Amino acid sequence: MSHFEATAVIHSLSANRGPNHPDTDNTDTVTIIEHKNNNSVIAEYKGRRYRAIFNPFHCIYYVDDKYGLIAE
């Protein structure tokens, strides 16, 4: 599977509203690097890679840019 862009809820942007309220205030475009399964996703955001998950009920990715940094 090749890389693709997707809209994602970004952890640091959702601090005031909570991660379960996806809207335009806490989302941004990311590049999905690897999607093994819904609980094992690697996303690139602002030039860095982070762990992420995919919620199939909301059809959106959740990127943990606070604690999910993947060391290079």
PDB file of N, CA and C in Angstrom:
ATOM      1  N   MET A   1       0.843  -1.180   0.000  1.00  0.00           N
ATOM      2  CA  MET A   1       0.000   0.000   0.000  1.00  0.00           C
ATOM      3  C   MET A   1       0.888   1.243   0.000  1.00  0.00           C
ATOM      4  N   SER A   2       0.536   2.180  -0.818  1.00  0.00           N
ATOM      5  CA  SER A   2       1.322   3.404  -0.886  1.00  0.00           C
ATOM      6  C   SER A   2       0.835   4.410   0.152  1.00  0.00           C
ATOM      7  N   HIS A   3       1.627   5.435   0.364  1.00  0.00           N
ATOM      8  CA  HIS A   3       1.273   6.487   1.320  1.00  0.00           C
ATOM      9  C   HIS A   3       0.093   7.276   0.781  1.00  0.00           C
ATOM     10  N   PHE A   4      -0.719   7.806   1.689  1.00  0.00           N
ATOM     11  CA  PHE A   4      -1.845   8.636   1.264  1.00  0.00           C
ATOM     12  C   PHE A   4      -2.148   9.679   2.341  1.00  0.00           C
ATOM     13  N   GLU A   5      -2.781  10.746   1.923  1.00  0.00           N
ATOM     14  CA  GLU A   5      -3.152  11.804   2.853  1.00  0.00           C
ATOM     15  C   GLU A   5      -4.547  11.541   3.400  1.00  0.00           C
ATOM     16  N   ALA A   6      -4.743  11.949   4.667  1.00  0.00           N
ATOM     17  CA  ALA A   6      -6.033  11.767   5.317  1.00  0.00           C
ATOM     18  C   ALA A   6      -6.218  12.862   6.360  1.00  0.00           C
ATOM     19  N   THR A   7      -7.447  13.100   6.710  1.00  0.00           N
ATOM     20  CA  THR A   7      -7.753  14.023   7.805  1.00  0.00           C
ATOM     21  C   THR A   7      -7.666  13.241   9.099  1.00  0.00           C
ATOM     22  N   ALA A   8      -7.058  13.851  10.119  1.00  0.00           N
ATOM     23  CA  ALA A   8      -6.885  13.167  11.398  1.00  0.00           C
ATOM     24  C   ALA A   8      -7.115  14.136  12.548  1.00  0.00           C
ATOM     25  N   VAL A   9      -7.579  13.584  13.658  1.00  0.00           N
ATOM     26  CA  VAL A   9      -7.645  14.337  14.904  1.00  0.00           C
ATOM     27  C   VAL A   9      -6.239  14.312  15.485  1.00  0.00           C
ATOM     28  N   ILE A  10      -5.709  15.481  15.806  1.00  0.00           N
ATOM     29  CA  ILE A  10      -4.354  15.603  16.334  1.00  0.00           C
ATOM     30  C   ILE A  10      -4.442  15.797  17.846  1.00  0.00           C
ATOM     31  N   HIS A  11      -3.756  14.941  18.592  1.00  0.00           N
ATOM     32  CA  HIS A  11      -3.832  14.944  20.056  1.00  0.00           C
ATOM     33  C   HIS A  11      -3.581  16.330  20.652  1.00  0.00           C
ATOM     34  N   SER A  12      -2.521  17.002  20.248  1.00  0.00           N
ATOM     35  CA  SER A  12      -2.190  18.297  20.846  1.00  0.00           C
ATOM     36  C   SER A  12      -3.214  19.378  20.502  1.00  0.00           C
ATOM     37  N   LEU A  13      -3.928  19.223  19.406  1.00  0.00           N
ATOM     38  CA  LEU A  13      -4.943  20.201  19.019  1.00  0.00           C
ATOM     39  C   LEU A  13      -6.271  19.973  19.719  1.00  0.00           C
ATOM     40  N   SER A  14      -6.478  18.775  20.260  1.00  0.00           N
ATOM     41  CA  SER A  14      -7.754  18.445  20.893  1.00  0.00           C
ATOM     42  C   SER A  14      -7.702  18.536  22.408  1.00  0.00           C
ATOM     43  N   ALA A  15      -6.679  19.165  22.966  1.00  0.00           N
ATOM     44  CA  ALA A  15      -6.506  19.241  24.411  1.00  0.00           C
ATOM     45  C   ALA A  15      -7.679  19.922  25.105  1.00  0.00           C
ATOM     46  N   ASN A  16      -8.269  20.916  24.482  1.00  0.00           N
ATOM     47  CA  ASN A  16      -9.361  21.652  25.116  1.00  0.00           C
ATOM     48  C   ASN A  16     -10.714  20.992  24.953  1.00  0.00           C
ATOM     49  N   ARG A  17     -10.895  20.204  23.913  1.00  0.00           N
ATOM     50  CA  ARG A  17     -12.205  19.616  23.644  1.00  0.00           C
ATOM     51  C   ARG A  17     -12.272  18.123  23.948  1.00  0.00           C
ATOM     52  N   GLY A  18     -11.143  17.456  24.034  1.00  0.00           N
ATOM     53  CA  GLY A  18     -11.142  16.014  24.237  1.00  0.00           C
ATOM     54  C   GLY A  18     -11.059  15.290  22.911  1.00  0.00           C
ATOM     55  N   PRO A  19     -10.474  14.103  22.889  1.00  0.00           N
ATOM     56  CA  PRO A  19     -10.220  13.380  21.642  1.00  0.00           C
ATOM     57  C   PRO A  19     -11.460  12.798  20.986  1.00  0.00           C
ATOM     58  N   ASN A  20     -12.595  12.746  21.676  1.00  0.00           N
ATOM     59  CA  ASN A  20     -13.786  12.119  21.113  1.00  0.00           C
ATOM     60  C   ASN A  20     -14.719  13.107  20.424  1.00  0.00           C
ATOM     61  N   HIS A  21     -14.237  14.303  20.147  1.00  0.00           N
ATOM     62  CA  HIS A  21     -15.048  15.319  19.493  1.00  0.00           C
ATOM     63  C   HIS A  21     -14.359  15.821  18.233  1.00  0.00           C
ATOM     64  N   PRO A  22     -14.323  14.989  17.169  1.00  0.00           N
ATOM     65  CA  PRO A  22     -13.658  15.439  15.950  1.00  0.00           C
ATOM     66  C   PRO A  22     -14.413  16.595  15.307  1.00  0.00           C
ATOM     67  N   ASP A  23     -13.718  17.668  15.046  1.00  0.00           N
ATOM     68  CA  ASP A  23     -14.265  18.794  14.294  1.00  0.00           C
ATOM     69  C   ASP A  23     -13.109  19.523  13.631  1.00  0.00           C
ATOM     70  N   THR A  24     -13.387  20.601  12.956  1.00  0.00           N
ATOM     71  CA  THR A  24     -12.341  21.280  12.198  1.00  0.00           C
ATOM     72  C   THR A  24     -11.322  21.973  13.092  1.00  0.00           C
ATOM     73  N   ASP A  25     -11.635  22.202  14.371  1.00  0.00           N
ATOM     74  CA  ASP A  25     -10.696  22.876  15.268  1.00  0.00           C
ATOM     75  C   ASP A  25      -9.540  21.988  15.700  1.00  0.00           C
ATOM     76  N   ASN A  26      -9.723  20.685  15.707  1.00  0.00           N
ATOM     77  CA  ASN A  26      -8.666  19.805  16.193  1.00  0.00           C
ATOM     78  C   ASN A  26      -8.231  18.768  15.160  1.00  0.00           C
ATOM     79  N   THR A  27      -8.481  19.049  13.896  1.00  0.00           N
ATOM     80  CA  THR A  27      -8.052  18.139  12.842  1.00  0.00           C
ATOM     81  C   THR A  27      -7.051  18.825  11.920  1.00  0.00           C
ATOM     82  N   ASP A  28      -6.276  17.999  11.232  1.00  0.00           N
ATOM     83  CA  ASP A  28      -5.321  18.501  10.251  1.00  0.00           C
ATOM     84  C   ASP A  28      -5.049  17.364   9.268  1.00  0.00           C
ATOM     85  N   THR A  29      -4.393  17.679   8.193  1.00  0.00           N
ATOM     86  CA  THR A  29      -4.045  16.675   7.197  1.00  0.00           C
ATOM     87  C   THR A  29      -2.729  16.008   7.572  1.00  0.00           C
ATOM     88  N   VAL A  30      -2.702  14.686   7.495  1.00  0.00           N
ATOM     89  CA  VAL A  30      -1.506  13.897   7.786  1.00  0.00           C
ATOM     90  C   VAL A  30      -1.267  12.961   6.601  1.00  0.00           C
ATOM     91  N   THR A  31      -0.079  12.374   6.568  1.00  0.00           N
ATOM     92  CA  THR A  31       0.227  11.336   5.590  1.00  0.00           C
ATOM     93  C   THR A  31       0.283  10.008   6.320  1.00  0.00           C
ATOM     94  N   ILE A  32      -0.520   9.068   5.873  1.00  0.00           N
ATOM     95  CA  ILE A  32      -0.513   7.732   6.471  1.00  0.00           C
ATOM     96  C   ILE A  32       0.607   6.944   5.795  1.00  0.00           C
ATOM     97  N   ILE A  33       1.580   6.543   6.603  1.00  0.00           N
ATOM     98  CA  ILE A  33       2.747   5.819   6.109  1.00  0.00           C
ATOM     99  C   ILE A  33       2.493   4.317   6.102  1.00  0.00           C
ATOM    100  N   GLU A  34       1.859   3.834   7.159  1.00  0.00           N
ATOM    101  CA  GLU A  34       1.611   2.394   7.293  1.00  0.00           C
ATOM    102  C   GLU A  34       0.320   2.186   8.066  1.00  0.00           C
ATOM    103  N   HIS A  35      -0.521   1.301   7.565  1.00  0.00           N
ATOM    104  CA  HIS A  35      -1.784   0.969   8.237  1.00  0.00           C
ATOM    105  C   HIS A  35      -1.879  -0.555   8.296  1.00  0.00           C
ATOM    106  N   LYS A  36      -1.288  -1.144   9.353  1.00  0.00           N
ATOM    107  CA  LYS A  36      -1.321  -2.605   9.505  1.00  0.00           C
ATOM    108  C   LYS A  36      -2.730  -3.061   9.863  1.00  0.00           C
ATOM    109  N   ASN A  37      -3.302  -2.415  10.867  1.00  0.00           N
ATOM    110  CA  ASN A  37      -4.683  -2.632  11.272  1.00  0.00           C
ATOM    111  C   ASN A  37      -5.148  -1.347  11.959  1.00  0.00           C
ATOM    112  N   ASN A  38      -6.374  -1.298  12.403  1.00  0.00           N
ATOM    113  CA  ASN A  38      -6.915  -0.059  12.961  1.00  0.00           C
ATOM    114  C   ASN A  38      -6.190   0.431  14.205  1.00  0.00           C
ATOM    115  N   ASN A  39      -5.523  -0.457  14.917  1.00  0.00           N
ATOM    116  CA  ASN A  39      -4.804  -0.080  16.133  1.00  0.00           C
ATOM    117  C   ASN A  39      -3.303   0.056  15.922  1.00  0.00           C
ATOM    118  N   SER A  40      -2.847  -0.127  14.719  1.00  0.00           N
ATOM    119  CA  SER A  40      -1.422  -0.057  14.417  1.00  0.00           C
ATOM    120  C   SER A  40      -1.201   0.746  13.131  1.00  0.00           C
ATOM    121  N   VAL A  41      -1.140   2.066  13.312  1.00  0.00           N
ATOM    122  CA  VAL A  41      -1.003   2.977  12.181  1.00  0.00           C
ATOM    123  C   VAL A  41       0.195   3.887  12.450  1.00  0.00           C
ATOM    124  N   ILE A  42       0.944   4.206  11.399  1.00  0.00           N
ATOM    125  CA  ILE A  42       2.022   5.190  11.490  1.00  0.00           C
ATOM    126  C   ILE A  42       1.648   6.351  10.575  1.00  0.00           C
ATOM    127  N   ALA A  43       1.640   7.547  11.162  1.00  0.00           N
ATOM    128  CA  ALA A  43       1.276   8.746  10.410  1.00  0.00           C
ATOM    129  C   ALA A  43       2.405   9.765  10.485  1.00  0.00           C
ATOM    130  N   GLU A  44       2.554  10.540   9.421  1.00  0.00           N
ATOM    131  CA  GLU A  44       3.539  11.617   9.407  1.00  0.00           C
ATOM    132  C   GLU A  44       2.789  12.941   9.514  1.00  0.00           C
ATOM    133  N   TYR A  45       3.219  13.753  10.484  1.00  0.00           N
ATOM    134  CA  TYR A  45       2.591  15.046  10.729  1.00  0.00           C
ATOM    135  C   TYR A  45       3.690  16.071  10.980  1.00  0.00           C
ATOM    136  N   LYS A  46       3.726  17.093  10.173  1.00  0.00           N
ATOM    137  CA  LYS A  46       4.730  18.155  10.269  1.00  0.00           C
ATOM    138  C   LYS A  46       6.164  17.605  10.250  1.00  0.00           C
ATOM    139  N   GLY A  47       6.407  16.638   9.376  1.00  0.00           N
ATOM    140  CA  GLY A  47       7.747  16.104   9.174  1.00  0.00           C
ATOM    141  C   GLY A  47       8.205  15.060  10.173  1.00  0.00           C
ATOM    142  N   ARG A  48       7.342  14.675  11.104  1.00  0.00           N
ATOM    143  CA  ARG A  48       7.705  13.649  12.090  1.00  0.00           C
ATOM    144  C   ARG A  48       6.697  12.511  12.029  1.00  0.00           C
ATOM    145  N   ARG A  49       7.141  11.326  12.444  1.00  0.00           N
ATOM    146  CA  ARG A  49       6.267  10.153  12.426  1.00  0.00           C
ATOM    147  C   ARG A  49       5.762   9.834  13.824  1.00  0.00           C
ATOM    148  N   TYR A  50       4.453   9.495  13.861  1.00  0.00           N
ATOM    149  CA  TYR A  50       3.785   9.230  15.141  1.00  0.00           C
ATOM    150  C   TYR A  50       2.928   7.979  15.030  1.00  0.00           C
ATOM    151  N   ARG A  51       2.641   7.403  16.177  1.00  0.00           N
ATOM    152  CA  ARG A  51       1.694   6.300  16.245  1.00  0.00           C
ATOM    153  C   ARG A  51       0.287   6.889  16.141  1.00  0.00           C
ATOM    154  N   ALA A  52      -0.584   6.125  15.524  1.00  0.00           N
ATOM    155  CA  ALA A  52      -1.957   6.574  15.341  1.00  0.00           C
ATOM    156  C   ALA A  52      -2.887   5.365  15.334  1.00  0.00           C
ATOM    157  N   ILE A  53      -4.170   5.637  15.421  1.00  0.00           N
ATOM    158  CA  ILE A  53      -5.191   4.598  15.288  1.00  0.00           C
ATOM    159  C   ILE A  53      -6.241   5.094  14.309  1.00  0.00           C
ATOM    160  N   PHE A  54      -7.056   4.169  13.813  1.00  0.00           N
ATOM    161  CA  PHE A  54      -8.155   4.523  12.924  1.00  0.00           C
ATOM    162  C   PHE A  54      -9.451   4.094  13.572  1.00  0.00           C
ATOM    163  N   ASN A  55     -10.415   5.021  13.656  1.00  0.00           N
ATOM    164  CA  ASN A  55     -11.725   4.709  14.207  1.00  0.00           C
ATOM    165  C   ASN A  55     -12.684   4.484  13.040  1.00  0.00           C
ATOM    166  N   PRO A  56     -13.077   3.232  12.788  1.00  0.00           N
ATOM    167  CA  PRO A  56     -13.937   2.951  11.643  1.00  0.00           C
ATOM    168  C   PRO A  56     -15.363   3.465  11.808  1.00  0.00           C
ATOM    169  N   PHE A  57     -15.788   3.735  13.035  1.00  0.00           N
ATOM    170  CA  PHE A  57     -17.145   4.239  13.266  1.00  0.00           C
ATOM    171  C   PHE A  57     -17.259   5.715  12.902  1.00  0.00           C
ATOM    172  N   HIS A  58     -16.185   6.474  13.128  1.00  0.00           N
ATOM    173  CA  HIS A  58     -16.149   7.894  12.753  1.00  0.00           C
ATOM    174  C   HIS A  58     -15.407   8.110  11.433  1.00  0.00           C
ATOM    175  N   CYS A  59     -14.759   7.042  10.933  1.00  0.00           N
ATOM    176  CA  CYS A  59     -13.961   7.096   9.690  1.00  0.00           C
ATOM    177  C   CYS A  59     -12.909   8.201   9.754  1.00  0.00           C
ATOM    178  N   ILE A  60     -12.141   8.205  10.849  1.00  0.00           N
ATOM    179  CA  ILE A  60     -11.104   9.217  11.018  1.00  0.00           C
ATOM    180  C   ILE A  60      -9.928   8.628  11.790  1.00  0.00           C
ATOM    181  N   TYR A  61      -8.753   9.155  11.503  1.00  0.00           N
ATOM    182  CA  TYR A  61      -7.535   8.760  12.208  1.00  0.00           C
ATOM    183  C   TYR A  61      -7.342   9.643  13.425  1.00  0.00           C
ATOM    184  N   TYR A  62      -6.691   9.090  14.443  1.00  0.00           N
ATOM    185  CA  TYR A  62      -6.321   9.822  15.648  1.00  0.00           C
ATOM    186  C   TYR A  62      -4.802   9.712  15.785  1.00  0.00           C
ATOM    187  N   VAL A  63      -4.108  10.831  15.727  1.00  0.00           N
ATOM    188  CA  VAL A  63      -2.647  10.853  15.770  1.00  0.00           C
ATOM    189  C   VAL A  63      -2.192  11.357  17.132  1.00  0.00           C
ATOM    190  N   ASP A  64      -1.324  10.585  17.799  1.00  0.00           N
ATOM    191  CA  ASP A  64      -0.803  10.952  19.115  1.00  0.00           C
ATOM    192  C   ASP A  64       0.535  11.677  18.952  1.00  0.00           C
ATOM    193  N   ASP A  65       0.465  12.992  18.747  1.00  0.00           N
ATOM    194  CA  ASP A  65       1.693  13.768  18.576  1.00  0.00           C
ATOM    195  C   ASP A  65       2.271  14.220  19.904  1.00  0.00           C
ATOM    196  N   LYS A  66       1.669  13.827  21.015  1.00  0.00           N
ATOM    197  CA  LYS A  66       2.214  14.145  22.333  1.00  0.00           C
ATOM    198  C   LYS A  66       3.113  13.026  22.857  1.00  0.00           C
ATOM    199  N   TYR A  67       2.622  11.786  22.794  1.00  0.00           N
ATOM    200  CA  TYR A  67       3.340  10.658  23.398  1.00  0.00           C
ATOM    201  C   TYR A  67       3.721   9.572  22.397  1.00  0.00           C
ATOM    202  N   GLY A  68       3.277   9.686  21.140  1.00  0.00           N
ATOM    203  CA  GLY A  68       3.489   8.625  20.171  1.00  0.00           C
ATOM    204  C   GLY A  68       4.582   8.871  19.152  1.00  0.00           C
ATOM    205  N   LEU A  69       5.533   9.742  19.467  1.00  0.00           N
ATOM    206  CA  LEU A  69       6.638  10.026  18.532  1.00  0.00           C
ATOM    207  C   LEU A  69       7.445   8.755  18.303  1.00  0.00           C
ATOM    208  N   ILE A  70       7.727   8.471  17.054  1.00  0.00           N
ATOM    209  CA  ILE A  70       8.548   7.321  16.691  1.00  0.00           C
ATOM    210  C   ILE A  70       9.960   7.826  16.439  1.00  0.00           C
ATOM    211  N   ALA A  71      10.901   7.351  17.236  1.00  0.00           N
ATOM    212  CA  ALA A  71      12.296   7.785  17.095  1.00  0.00           C
ATOM    213  C   ALA A  71      12.869   7.245  15.797  1.00  0.00           C
ATOM    214  N   GLU A  72      13.659   8.072  15.149  1.00  0.00           N
ATOM    215  CA  GLU A  72      14.226   7.657  13.859  1.00  0.00           C
ATOM    216  C   GLU A  72      15.592   7.061  14.026  1.00  0.00           C
TER     217      GLU A  72
END
